[in-house]
Amino acid sequence: MDNTTTEVFFRAEPIAVESTSIPAQLYNRCRLLQSRCTNEHLFVPIRTMQYLAVVDNYEVIFVDSQAYTVSQGEGGRMIILSWFFKGGAGRDSLDQPIPMQIHYHHENGREAQRRIIVEFDKALIDLAQRMTEKGCDPKLKKVLPFPDS
């Protein structure tokens, strides 16, 4: 019997896009924890912000876990911002920063980004400890476009 749960997220068109990088330690921790999951998505609760981060091979999405919406008969959470990266492409060592693009999908995205860069790393450390005890939750993500009304 399959115990997989599918979570639904909505992605509005980006308000702004910014090129930057994240510390190698943060990226490496994402990859390590994701490799311990049997599915392709790693769900990371950021309790201090009441956000949820979802990591896959190409992006990390950040959603406000308290904000629920319905569009075209489907319910889910809105993506506040997302990080898109090309993995370790172009880096010569594991301690080099990872280039990425941040897509801001909500007017609070920039404010959230300032906190996420610190709180997400703490949440990954907490999750690593829990994963050694319990394993990875069997969840998948489904991202749908959120049309402008």
Protein backbone atom coordinates (compact mmCIF):
# COMPACT_ATOMS: atom_id res chain seq x y z
CA MET A 1 0.00 0.00 0.00
CA ASP A 2 1.31 3.43 -1.00
CA ASN A 3 1.46 5.91 1.91
CA THR A 4 2.57 8.81 -0.27
CA THR A 5 0.85 12.16 0.27
CA THR A 6 0.77 14.76 -2.50
CA GLU A 7 0.94 18.40 -1.41
CA VAL A 8 -0.36 21.07 -3.83
CA PHE A 9 1.35 24.45 -4.29
CA PHE A 10 0.48 27.41 -6.51
CA ARG A 11 3.10 29.47 -8.31
CA ALA A 12 2.16 33.02 -9.36
CA GLU A 13 4.24 34.83 -11.95
CA PRO A 14 7.36 36.31 -10.32
CA ILE A 15 7.16 39.90 -9.15
CA ALA A 16 10.96 40.11 -9.34
CA VAL A 17 13.94 37.87 -10.15
CA GLU A 18 17.38 38.26 -8.63
CA SER A 19 20.69 36.48 -9.29
CA THR A 20 22.74 35.66 -6.21
CA SER A 21 24.37 32.67 -4.51
CA ILE A 22 23.91 30.60 -1.37
CA PRO A 23 26.64 29.26 0.88
CA ALA A 24 28.01 25.88 -0.15
CA GLN A 25 27.29 24.44 3.30
CA LEU A 26 23.58 25.20 2.94
CA TYR A 27 23.37 23.74 -0.57
CA ASN A 28 25.38 20.64 0.43
CA ARG A 29 23.12 20.05 3.43
CA CYS A 30 20.04 20.19 1.14
CA ARG A 31 21.57 17.65 -1.22
CA LEU A 32 22.69 15.31 1.55
CA LEU A 33 19.27 15.23 3.22
CA GLN A 34 17.47 14.86 -0.09
CA SER A 35 19.67 11.88 -0.96
CA ARG A 36 18.45 10.16 2.22
CA CYS A 37 14.82 10.28 0.99
CA THR A 38 13.35 7.52 -1.12
CA ASN A 39 11.33 10.05 -3.13
CA GLU A 40 12.42 13.12 -5.09
CA HIS A 41 11.17 15.80 -2.69
CA LEU A 42 12.45 16.82 0.73
CA PHE A 43 9.90 18.65 2.90
CA VAL A 44 11.51 20.92 5.51
CA PRO A 45 9.35 22.70 8.09
CA ILE A 46 10.77 26.08 9.07
CA ARG A 47 8.90 26.33 12.34
CA THR A 48 10.32 29.70 13.43
CA MET A 49 8.67 31.30 10.37
CA GLN A 50 5.73 28.89 9.97
CA TYR A 51 6.99 28.22 6.44
CA LEU A 52 7.55 25.00 4.57
CA ALA A 53 10.49 24.51 2.20
CA VAL A 54 10.32 21.82 -0.47
CA VAL A 55 13.60 20.77 -2.05
CA ASP A 56 14.03 18.93 -5.34
CA ASN A 57 16.93 18.62 -7.80
CA TYR A 58 16.40 22.03 -9.41
CA GLU A 59 14.70 24.30 -6.93
CA VAL A 60 13.63 25.02 -3.39
CA ILE A 61 10.17 26.50 -2.93
CA PHE A 62 9.11 28.33 0.21
CA VAL A 63 5.45 28.50 1.19
CA ASP A 64 3.60 30.10 4.08
CA SER A 65 2.16 27.03 5.77
CA GLN A 66 -0.68 29.11 7.25
CA ALA A 67 -1.93 30.52 3.92
CA TYR A 68 -4.31 28.20 2.04
CA THR A 69 -6.04 29.10 -1.24
CA VAL A 70 -8.25 27.50 -3.89
CA SER A 71 -7.94 27.98 -7.64
CA GLN A 72 -9.96 26.21 -10.33
CA GLY A 73 -11.29 23.68 -7.84
CA GLU A 74 -7.88 22.72 -6.46
CA GLY A 75 -6.71 23.76 -2.99
CA GLY A 76 -3.12 24.36 -1.92
CA ARG A 77 -0.54 26.76 -0.59
CA MET A 78 0.97 29.78 -2.39
CA ILE A 79 4.69 29.84 -3.15
CA ILE A 80 6.17 33.01 -1.61
CA LEU A 81 9.59 32.65 -3.21
CA SER A 82 11.67 30.03 -4.95
CA TRP A 83 15.36 29.36 -5.44
CA PHE A 84 16.49 27.96 -8.79
CA PHE A 85 20.01 26.58 -9.07
CA LYS A 86 22.06 24.45 -11.44
CA GLY A 87 23.56 22.31 -8.73
CA GLY A 88 27.31 22.31 -8.43
CA ALA A 89 27.82 23.31 -12.06
CA GLY A 90 30.90 25.43 -12.48
CA ARG A 91 32.33 25.03 -9.00
CA ASP A 92 35.76 23.54 -8.44
CA SER A 93 35.29 22.55 -4.81
CA LEU A 94 32.53 21.67 -2.38
CA ASP A 95 33.06 24.85 -0.38
CA GLN A 96 32.33 27.32 -3.19
CA PRO A 97 29.01 29.22 -3.12
CA ILE A 98 26.25 28.01 -5.45
CA PRO A 99 24.89 30.51 -7.99
CA MET A 100 21.12 30.72 -8.12
CA GLN A 101 18.15 32.85 -9.03
CA ILE A 102 15.55 33.92 -6.52
CA HIS A 103 12.02 34.31 -7.89
CA TYR A 104 9.82 36.46 -5.67
CA HIS A 105 6.18 35.44 -6.11
CA HIS A 106 4.70 37.57 -3.31
CA GLU A 107 5.25 41.13 -2.10
CA ASN A 108 6.60 39.74 1.23
CA GLY A 109 9.21 37.65 -0.60
CA ARG A 110 12.21 39.92 -0.04
CA GLU A 111 11.48 40.24 3.66
CA ALA A 112 11.07 36.46 3.94
CA GLN A 113 14.34 35.85 2.05
CA ARG A 114 16.35 37.77 4.65
CA ARG A 115 15.13 35.42 7.39
CA ILE A 116 15.05 32.24 5.30
CA ILE A 117 18.77 32.23 4.57
CA VAL A 118 19.40 31.72 8.32
CA GLU A 119 16.29 29.87 9.49
CA PHE A 120 16.31 27.36 6.62
CA ASP A 121 19.81 26.18 7.54
CA LYS A 122 18.73 25.72 11.18
CA ALA A 123 15.64 23.78 10.02
CA LEU A 124 17.83 21.49 7.88
CA ILE A 125 20.06 20.75 10.88
CA ASP A 126 16.98 19.92 12.99
CA LEU A 127 15.57 17.73 10.22
CA ALA A 128 18.86 15.85 9.87
CA GLN A 129 18.66 14.91 13.53
CA ARG A 130 15.03 13.75 13.24
CA MET A 131 15.74 11.81 10.03
CA THR A 132 18.32 9.68 11.79
CA GLU A 133 15.56 8.65 14.18
CA LYS A 134 12.53 8.35 11.87
CA GLY A 135 13.49 8.53 8.17
CA CYS A 136 11.94 10.72 5.47
CA ASP A 137 8.20 11.47 5.06
CA PRO A 138 6.72 9.96 1.88
CA LYS A 139 5.42 13.16 0.26
CA LEU A 140 5.42 14.52 -3.27
CA LYS A 141 4.80 18.04 -4.51
CA LYS A 142 2.51 19.26 -7.26
CA VAL A 143 3.02 22.85 -8.44
CA LEU A 144 0.22 24.55 -10.39
CA PRO A 145 0.18 28.01 -12.02
CA PHE A 146 -1.88 30.59 -10.18
CA PRO A 147 -3.70 32.71 -12.75
CA ASP A 148 -4.10 36.43 -12.24
CA SER A 149 -7.74 37.38 -11.78
